[in-house]
């Protein structure tokens, strides 16, 4: 999941994401979509 989301978003803190998933909740705030994120769509 970290790798997948990291492909689409800049400045993703993967350590926080890992802790959030184990806690049962995931909240993603203030993420910037990478310029290349939608190139393959």
PDB file of N, CA and C in Angstrom:
ATOM      1  N   UNK A   1       0.827  -1.195   0.000  1.00  0.00           N
ATOM      2  CA  UNK A   1       0.000   0.000   0.000  1.00  0.00           C
ATOM      3  C   UNK A   1       0.867   1.252   0.000  1.00  0.00           C
ATOM      4  N   UNK A   2       1.941   1.234   0.780  1.00  0.00           N
ATOM      5  CA  UNK A   2       2.857   2.377   0.807  1.00  0.00           C
ATOM      6  C   UNK A   2       3.420   2.659  -0.573  1.00  0.00           C
ATOM      7  N   UNK A   3       3.848   1.625  -1.255  1.00  0.00           N
ATOM      8  CA  UNK A   3       4.444   1.797  -2.580  1.00  0.00           C
ATOM      9  C   UNK A   3       3.406   2.305  -3.572  1.00  0.00           C
ATOM     10  N   UNK A   4       2.232   1.738  -3.526  1.00  0.00           N
ATOM     11  CA  UNK A   4       1.168   2.135  -4.447  1.00  0.00           C
ATOM     12  C   UNK A   4       0.787   3.604  -4.267  1.00  0.00           C
ATOM     13  N   UNK A   5       0.544   4.018  -3.055  1.00  0.00           N
ATOM     14  CA  UNK A   5       0.174   5.414  -2.808  1.00  0.00           C
ATOM     15  C   UNK A   5       1.332   6.358  -3.080  1.00  0.00           C
ATOM     16  N   UNK A   6       2.548   5.906  -2.801  1.00  0.00           N
ATOM     17  CA  UNK A   6       3.730   6.726  -3.064  1.00  0.00           C
ATOM     18  C   UNK A   6       3.921   7.028  -4.539  1.00  0.00           C
ATOM     19  N   UNK A   7       3.394   6.170  -5.401  1.00  0.00           N
ATOM     20  CA  UNK A   7       3.468   6.416  -6.844  1.00  0.00           C
ATOM     21  C   UNK A   7       2.576   7.578  -7.266  1.00  0.00           C
ATOM     22  N   UNK A   8       1.565   7.880  -6.486  1.00  0.00           N
ATOM     23  CA  UNK A   8       0.586   8.901  -6.856  1.00  0.00           C
ATOM     24  C   UNK A   8       0.695  10.205  -6.067  1.00  0.00           C
ATOM     25  N   UNK A   9       1.250  10.132  -4.851  1.00  0.00           N
ATOM     26  CA  UNK A   9       1.282  11.309  -3.986  1.00  0.00           C
ATOM     27  C   UNK A   9       2.698  11.670  -3.582  1.00  0.00           C
ATOM     28  N   UNK A  10       2.962  12.979  -3.494  1.00  0.00           N
ATOM     29  CA  UNK A  10       4.253  13.485  -3.038  1.00  0.00           C
ATOM     30  C   UNK A  10       4.233  13.602  -1.514  1.00  0.00           C
ATOM     31  N   UNK A  11       5.405  13.513  -0.913  1.00  0.00           N
ATOM     32  CA  UNK A  11       5.580  13.738   0.529  1.00  0.00           C
ATOM     33  C   UNK A  11       4.705  12.838   1.392  1.00  0.00           C
ATOM     34  N   UNK A  12       4.508  11.620   0.964  1.00  0.00           N
ATOM     35  CA  UNK A  12       3.728  10.666   1.744  1.00  0.00           C
ATOM     36  C   UNK A  12       4.613  10.093   2.845  1.00  0.00           C
ATOM     37  N   UNK A  13       4.192  10.229   4.087  1.00  0.00           N
ATOM     38  CA  UNK A  13       4.950   9.697   5.219  1.00  0.00           C
ATOM     39  C   UNK A  13       4.505   8.253   5.445  1.00  0.00           C
ATOM     40  N   UNK A  14       5.274   7.329   4.906  1.00  0.00           N
ATOM     41  CA  UNK A  14       4.869   5.921   4.937  1.00  0.00           C
ATOM     42  C   UNK A  14       4.862   5.339   6.350  1.00  0.00           C
ATOM     43  N   UNK A  15       5.665   5.870   7.259  1.00  0.00           N
ATOM     44  CA  UNK A  15       5.650   5.350   8.630  1.00  0.00           C
ATOM     45  C   UNK A  15       4.325   5.678   9.313  1.00  0.00           C
ATOM     46  N   UNK A  16       3.773   6.845   9.059  1.00  0.00           N
ATOM     47  CA  UNK A  16       2.479   7.200   9.630  1.00  0.00           C
ATOM     48  C   UNK A  16       1.369   6.362   9.004  1.00  0.00           C
ATOM     49  N   UNK A  17       1.483   6.106   7.717  1.00  0.00           N
ATOM     50  CA  UNK A  17       0.475   5.297   7.040  1.00  0.00           C
ATOM     51  C   UNK A  17       0.456   3.886   7.616  1.00  0.00           C
ATOM     52  N   UNK A  18       1.615   3.310   7.839  1.00  0.00           N
ATOM     53  CA  UNK A  18       1.706   1.961   8.401  1.00  0.00           C
ATOM     54  C   UNK A  18       1.054   1.905   9.785  1.00  0.00           C
ATOM     55  N   UNK A  19       1.343   2.878  10.625  1.00  0.00           N
ATOM     56  CA  UNK A  19       0.759   2.905  11.963  1.00  0.00           C
ATOM     57  C   UNK A  19      -0.754   3.099  11.904  1.00  0.00           C
ATOM     58  N   UNK A  20      -1.217   3.922  10.979  1.00  0.00           N
ATOM     59  CA  UNK A  20      -2.646   4.172  10.853  1.00  0.00           C
ATOM     60  C   UNK A  20      -3.420   2.934  10.443  1.00  0.00           C
ATOM     61  N   UNK A  21      -2.861   2.158   9.544  1.00  0.00           N
ATOM     62  CA  UNK A  21      -3.544   0.955   9.076  1.00  0.00           C
ATOM     63  C   UNK A  21      -3.686  -0.054  10.210  1.00  0.00           C
ATOM     64  N   UNK A  22      -2.623  -0.231  10.995  1.00  0.00           N
ATOM     65  CA  UNK A  22      -2.702  -1.186  12.094  1.00  0.00           C
ATOM     66  C   UNK A  22      -3.683  -0.716  13.160  1.00  0.00           C
ATOM     67  N   UNK A  23      -3.902   0.578  13.261  1.00  0.00           N
ATOM     68  CA  UNK A  23      -4.864   1.100  14.223  1.00  0.00           C
ATOM     69  C   UNK A  23      -6.303   0.992  13.739  1.00  0.00           C
ATOM     70  N   UNK A  24      -6.500   0.689  12.466  1.00  0.00           N
ATOM     71  CA  UNK A  24      -7.833   0.509  11.926  1.00  0.00           C
ATOM     72  C   UNK A  24      -8.371   1.703  11.169  1.00  0.00           C
ATOM     73  N   UNK A  25      -7.708   2.836  11.249  1.00  0.00           N
ATOM     74  CA  UNK A  25      -8.164   4.042  10.566  1.00  0.00           C
ATOM     75  C   UNK A  25      -7.043   4.610   9.719  1.00  0.00           C
ATOM     76  N   UNK A  26      -7.407   5.156   8.589  1.00  0.00           N
ATOM     77  CA  UNK A  26      -6.428   5.828   7.734  1.00  0.00           C
ATOM     78  C   UNK A  26      -6.990   7.195   7.368  1.00  0.00           C
ATOM     79  N   UNK A  27      -6.234   8.234   7.680  1.00  0.00           N
ATOM     80  CA  UNK A  27      -6.604   9.597   7.315  1.00  0.00           C
ATOM     81  C   UNK A  27      -5.425  10.196   6.571  1.00  0.00           C
ATOM     82  N   UNK A  28      -5.672  10.644   5.359  1.00  0.00           N
ATOM     83  CA  UNK A  28      -4.624  11.256   4.545  1.00  0.00           C
ATOM     84  C   UNK A  28      -4.993  12.717   4.334  1.00  0.00           C
ATOM     85  N   UNK A  29      -4.113  13.614   4.776  1.00  0.00           N
ATOM     86  CA  UNK A  29      -4.390  15.046   4.660  1.00  0.00           C
ATOM     87  C   UNK A  29      -3.228  15.746   3.983  1.00  0.00           C
ATOM     88  N   UNK A  30      -3.568  16.819   3.306  1.00  0.00           N
ATOM     89  CA  UNK A  30      -2.573  17.705   2.700  1.00  0.00           C
ATOM     90  C   UNK A  30      -1.612  16.974   1.770  1.00  0.00           C
ATOM     91  N   UNK A  31      -2.150  16.060   0.991  1.00  0.00           N
ATOM     92  CA  UNK A  31      -1.320  15.349   0.029  1.00  0.00           C
ATOM     93  C   UNK A  31      -1.339  16.075  -1.307  1.00  0.00           C
ATOM     94  N   UNK A  32      -0.212  16.068  -1.970  1.00  0.00           N
ATOM     95  CA  UNK A  32      -0.118  16.653  -3.304  1.00  0.00           C
ATOM     96  C   UNK A  32      -0.039  15.523  -4.315  1.00  0.00           C
ATOM     97  N   UNK A  33      -0.901  15.576  -5.290  1.00  0.00           N
ATOM     98  CA  UNK A  33      -0.896  14.592  -6.363  1.00  0.00           C
ATOM     99  C   UNK A  33       0.322  14.828  -7.247  1.00  0.00           C
ATOM    100  N   UNK A  34       1.052  13.771  -7.540  1.00  0.00           N
ATOM    101  CA  UNK A  34       2.225  13.899  -8.414  1.00  0.00           C
ATOM    102  C   UNK A  34       1.797  14.324  -9.812  1.00  0.00           C
ATOM    103  N   UNK A  35       2.619  15.122 -10.469  1.00  0.00           N
ATOM    104  CA  UNK A  35       2.331  15.557 -11.837  1.00  0.00           C
ATOM    105  C   UNK A  35       2.161  14.365 -12.772  1.00  0.00           C
ATOM    106  N   UNK A  36       2.881  13.293 -12.515  1.00  0.00           N
ATOM    107  CA  UNK A  36       2.857  12.121 -13.389  1.00  0.00           C
ATOM    108  C   UNK A  36       1.795  11.091 -12.984  1.00  0.00           C
ATOM    109  N   UNK A  37       1.024  11.361 -11.947  1.00  0.00           N
ATOM    110  CA  UNK A  37       0.092  10.377 -11.402  1.00  0.00           C
ATOM    111  C   UNK A  37      -0.957   9.915 -12.404  1.00  0.00           C
ATOM    112  N   UNK A  38      -1.398  10.786 -13.269  1.00  0.00           N
ATOM    113  CA  UNK A  38      -2.477  10.429 -14.191  1.00  0.00           C
ATOM    114  C   UNK A  38      -1.993  10.220 -15.620  1.00  0.00           C
ATOM    115  N   UNK A  39      -0.700  10.087 -15.806  1.00  0.00           N
ATOM    116  CA  UNK A  39      -0.142   9.908 -17.149  1.00  0.00           C
ATOM    117  C   UNK A  39      -0.645   8.644 -17.838  1.00  0.00           C
ATOM    118  N   UNK A  40      -0.885   7.588 -17.092  1.00  0.00           N
ATOM    119  CA  UNK A  40      -1.284   6.310 -17.678  1.00  0.00           C
ATOM    120  C   UNK A  40      -2.793   6.143 -17.797  1.00  0.00           C
ATOM    121  N   UNK A  41      -3.546   7.135 -17.402  1.00  0.00           N
ATOM    122  CA  UNK A  41      -5.016   7.038 -17.437  1.00  0.00           C
ATOM    123  C   UNK A  41      -5.524   7.400 -18.807  1.00  0.00           C
TER     124      UNK A  41
END
